[in-house]
C-alpha atoms as a PDB file:
ATOM      1  CA  MET A   1       0.000   0.000   0.000  1.00  0.00           C
ATOM      2  CA  ARG A   2       2.816   2.377   0.866  1.00  0.00           C
ATOM      3  CA  ARG A   3       4.550   1.541  -2.383  1.00  0.00           C
ATOM      4  CA  ALA A   4       1.414   2.288  -4.472  1.00  0.00           C
ATOM      5  CA  ALA A   5       0.973   5.585  -2.638  1.00  0.00           C
ATOM      6  CA  ALA A   6       4.607   6.489  -3.393  1.00  0.00           C
ATOM      7  CA  VAL A   7       4.120   5.719  -7.111  1.00  0.00           C
ATOM      8  CA  ILE A   8       0.941   7.803  -7.272  1.00  0.00           C
ATOM      9  CA  LEU A   9       2.638  10.656  -5.435  1.00  0.00           C
ATOM     10  CA  ALA A  10       5.624  10.494  -7.815  1.00  0.00           C
ATOM     11  CA  LEU A  11       3.275  10.622 -10.818  1.00  0.00           C
ATOM     12  CA  LEU A  12       1.356  13.564  -9.401  1.00  0.00           C
ATOM     13  CA  LEU A  13       4.498  15.531  -8.613  1.00  0.00           C
ATOM     14  CA  GLY A  14       6.493  14.601 -11.731  1.00  0.00           C
ATOM     15  CA  GLY A  15       3.652  14.561 -14.222  1.00  0.00           C
ATOM     16  CA  CYS A  16       3.021  12.006 -16.894  1.00  0.00           C
ATOM     17  CA  GLU A  17       5.318  11.937 -19.831  1.00  0.00           C
ATOM     18  CA  SER A  18       3.566  11.194 -23.075  1.00  0.00           C
ATOM     19  CA  ALA A  19       4.018   7.849 -24.715  1.00  0.00           C
ATOM     20  CA  PRO A  20       7.511   7.294 -26.158  1.00  0.00           C
ATOM     21  CA  GLY A  21       6.165   6.820 -29.683  1.00  0.00           C
ATOM     22  CA  SER A  22       4.378  10.159 -29.782  1.00  0.00           C
ATOM     23  CA  SER A  23       7.596  12.186 -30.052  1.00  0.00           C
ATOM     24  CA  ARG A  24       8.688   9.972 -32.912  1.00  0.00           C
ATOM     25  CA  ARG A  25       5.287  10.394 -34.548  1.00  0.00           C
ATOM     26  CA  GLY A  26       5.680  14.166 -34.312  1.00  0.00           C
ATOM     27  CA  ALA A  27       9.067  13.925 -36.004  1.00  0.00           C
ATOM     28  CA  VAL A  28       7.586  11.802 -38.800  1.00  0.00           C
ATOM     29  CA  ASP A  29       4.780  14.314 -39.318  1.00  0.00           C
ATOM     30  CA  GLU A  30       7.244  17.195 -39.349  1.00  0.00           C
ATOM     31  CA  GLY A  31       9.422  15.374 -41.883  1.00  0.00           C
ATOM     32  CA  TYR A  32       6.401  14.741 -44.099  1.00  0.00           C
ATOM     33  CA  LEU A  33       5.460  18.424 -44.010  1.00  0.00           C
ATOM     34  CA  LEU A  34       9.012  19.472 -44.852  1.00  0.00           C
ATOM     35  CA  GLY A  35       9.112  17.007 -47.761  1.00  0.00           C
ATOM     36  CA  ALA A  36       5.761  18.223 -49.074  1.00  0.00           C
ATOM     37  CA  ALA A  37       6.955  21.833 -48.891  1.00  0.00           C
ATOM     38  CA  ASP A  38      10.149  20.881 -50.746  1.00  0.00           C
ATOM     39  CA  ALA A  39       8.162  19.122 -53.476  1.00  0.00           C
ATOM     40  CA  ALA A  40       5.998  22.219 -53.924  1.00  0.00           C
ATOM     41  CA  LYS A  41       9.117  24.398 -54.221  1.00  0.00           C
ATOM     42  CA  GLN A  42      10.664  22.051 -56.793  1.00  0.00           C
ATOM     43  CA  LEU A  43       7.463  22.117 -58.860  1.00  0.00           C
ATOM     44  CA  TYR A  44       7.380  25.916 -58.683  1.00  0.00           C
ATOM     45  CA  TRP A  45      10.973  26.307 -59.874  1.00  0.00           C
ATOM     46  CA  ALA A  46      10.554  23.699 -62.609  1.00  0.00           C
ATOM     47  CA  ARG A  47       7.587  25.627 -63.971  1.00  0.00           C
ATOM     48  CA  GLN A  48       9.515  28.908 -63.743  1.00  0.00           C
ATOM     49  CA  ALA A  49      12.346  27.327 -65.740  1.00  0.00           C
ATOM     50  CA  LEU A  50       9.948  26.106 -68.423  1.00  0.00           C
ATOM     51  CA  GLU A  51       8.278  29.496 -68.815  1.00  0.00           C
ATOM     52  CA  ALA A  52      11.442  31.614 -68.673  1.00  0.00           C
ATOM     53  CA  PRO A  53      12.693  33.146 -71.917  1.00  0.00           C
ATOM     54  CA  CYS A  54      15.707  31.230 -73.042  1.00  0.00           C
ATOM     55  CA  GLY A  55      18.024  31.546 -76.023  1.00  0.00           C
ATOM     56  CA  SER A  56      18.698  27.808 -76.141  1.00  0.00           C
ATOM     57  CA  ARG A  57      15.126  26.919 -77.057  1.00  0.00           C
ATOM     58  CA  PRO A  58      14.609  25.455 -80.512  1.00  0.00           C
ATOM     59  CA  ALA A  59      13.623  27.926 -83.191  1.00  0.00           C
ATOM     60  CA  GLY A  60      10.019  27.778 -84.199  1.00  0.00           C
ATOM     61  CA  ARG A  61       6.581  28.884 -83.170  1.00  0.00           C
ATOM     62  CA  THR A  62       3.500  27.491 -81.513  1.00  0.00           C
ATOM     63  CA  GLU A  63       0.316  27.378 -83.559  1.00  0.00           C
ATOM     64  CA  TYR A  64      -3.104  26.553 -82.240  1.00  0.00           C
ATOM     65  CA  TYR A  65      -5.403  24.353 -84.272  1.00  0.00           C
ATOM     66  CA  ILE A  66      -8.955  25.236 -83.292  1.00  0.00           C
ATOM     67  CA  TRP A  67     -12.184  23.454 -84.199  1.00  0.00           C
ATOM     68  CA  GLU A  68     -15.731  23.308 -82.961  1.00  0.00           C
ATOM     69  CA  GLU A  69     -16.895  19.972 -81.570  1.00  0.00           C
ATOM     70  CA  SER A  70     -20.449  19.141 -82.541  1.00  0.00           C
ATOM     71  CA  GLY A  71     -22.941  18.571 -79.788  1.00  0.00           C
ATOM     72  CA  THR A  72     -23.445  14.879 -80.589  1.00  0.00           C
ATOM     73  CA  ALA A  73     -21.495  11.899 -79.235  1.00  0.00           C
ATOM     74  CA  ARG A  74     -20.793   8.736 -81.248  1.00  0.00           C
ATOM     75  CA  ASP A  75     -23.555   6.879 -79.471  1.00  0.00           C
ATOM     76  CA  GLY A  76     -26.118   9.599 -80.301  1.00  0.00           C
ATOM     77  CA  ARG A  77     -26.158  11.453 -76.978  1.00  0.00           C
ATOM     78  CA  LYS A  78     -26.584  15.211 -77.268  1.00  0.00           C
ATOM     79  CA  LEU A  79     -23.777  17.206 -75.679  1.00  0.00           C
ATOM     80  CA  ALA A  80     -22.999  20.891 -75.419  1.00  0.00           C
ATOM     81  CA  PRO A  81     -20.905  22.129 -78.343  1.00  0.00           C
ATOM     82  CA  GLU A  82     -17.320  22.825 -77.380  1.00  0.00           C
ATOM     83  CA  THR A  83     -14.405  24.700 -78.928  1.00  0.00           C
ATOM     84  CA  VAL A  84     -11.169  22.717 -78.806  1.00  0.00           C
ATOM     85  CA  ALA A  85      -7.712  24.275 -79.244  1.00  0.00           C
ATOM     86  CA  VAL A  86      -4.613  22.094 -79.594  1.00  0.00           C
ATOM     87  CA  PRO A  87      -1.166  23.741 -79.390  1.00  0.00           C
ATOM     88  CA  VAL A  88       1.306  22.437 -81.984  1.00  0.00           C
ATOM     89  CA  PHE A  89       4.987  23.411 -82.107  1.00  0.00           C
ATOM     90  CA  VAL A  90       6.094  24.147 -85.670  1.00  0.00           C
ATOM     91  CA  PRO A  91       9.905  24.124 -85.955  1.00  0.00           C
ATOM     92  CA  ALA A  92      11.600  26.774 -88.075  1.00  0.00           C
ATOM     93  CA  PRO A  93      13.105  25.507 -91.294  1.00  0.00           C
ATOM     94  CA  ALA A  94      16.785  24.643 -91.162  1.00  0.00           C
ATOM     95  CA  PRO A  95      19.076  27.240 -92.733  1.00  0.00           C
ATOM     96  CA  ALA A  96      20.102  26.392 -96.256  1.00  0.00           C
ATOM     97  CA  TRP A  97      23.894  26.401 -96.229  1.00  0.00           C
ATOM     98  CA  GLY A  98      25.249  25.356 -99.546  1.00  0.00           C
ATOM     99  CA  PRO A  99      26.961  22.053-100.162  1.00  0.00           C
ATOM    100  CA  VAL A 100      30.110  21.538 -98.162  1.00  0.00           C
ATOM    101  CA  PRO A 101      33.160  20.891-100.412  1.00  0.00           C
END
């Protein structure tokens, strides 16, 4: 009885420490959040690199082929008409250098 009272008193005075796995779980959650933030940053910079003006890009232009989709599906269902635009990269013609001797 005295021993149980001493244990209870020690717990009341010292407080209960949380379960040992909870600190590890917090570290795992924090690592996940840091990794997710890093992935978002990498995606952002990759997109910035793609959209940045660059002299090393191939010569050419982007054309858009546009057509109007009819409002009928193959199986006869009626759909709303839709305008579709498809971007197509058209490379510039190669320079015509004369024959090399």
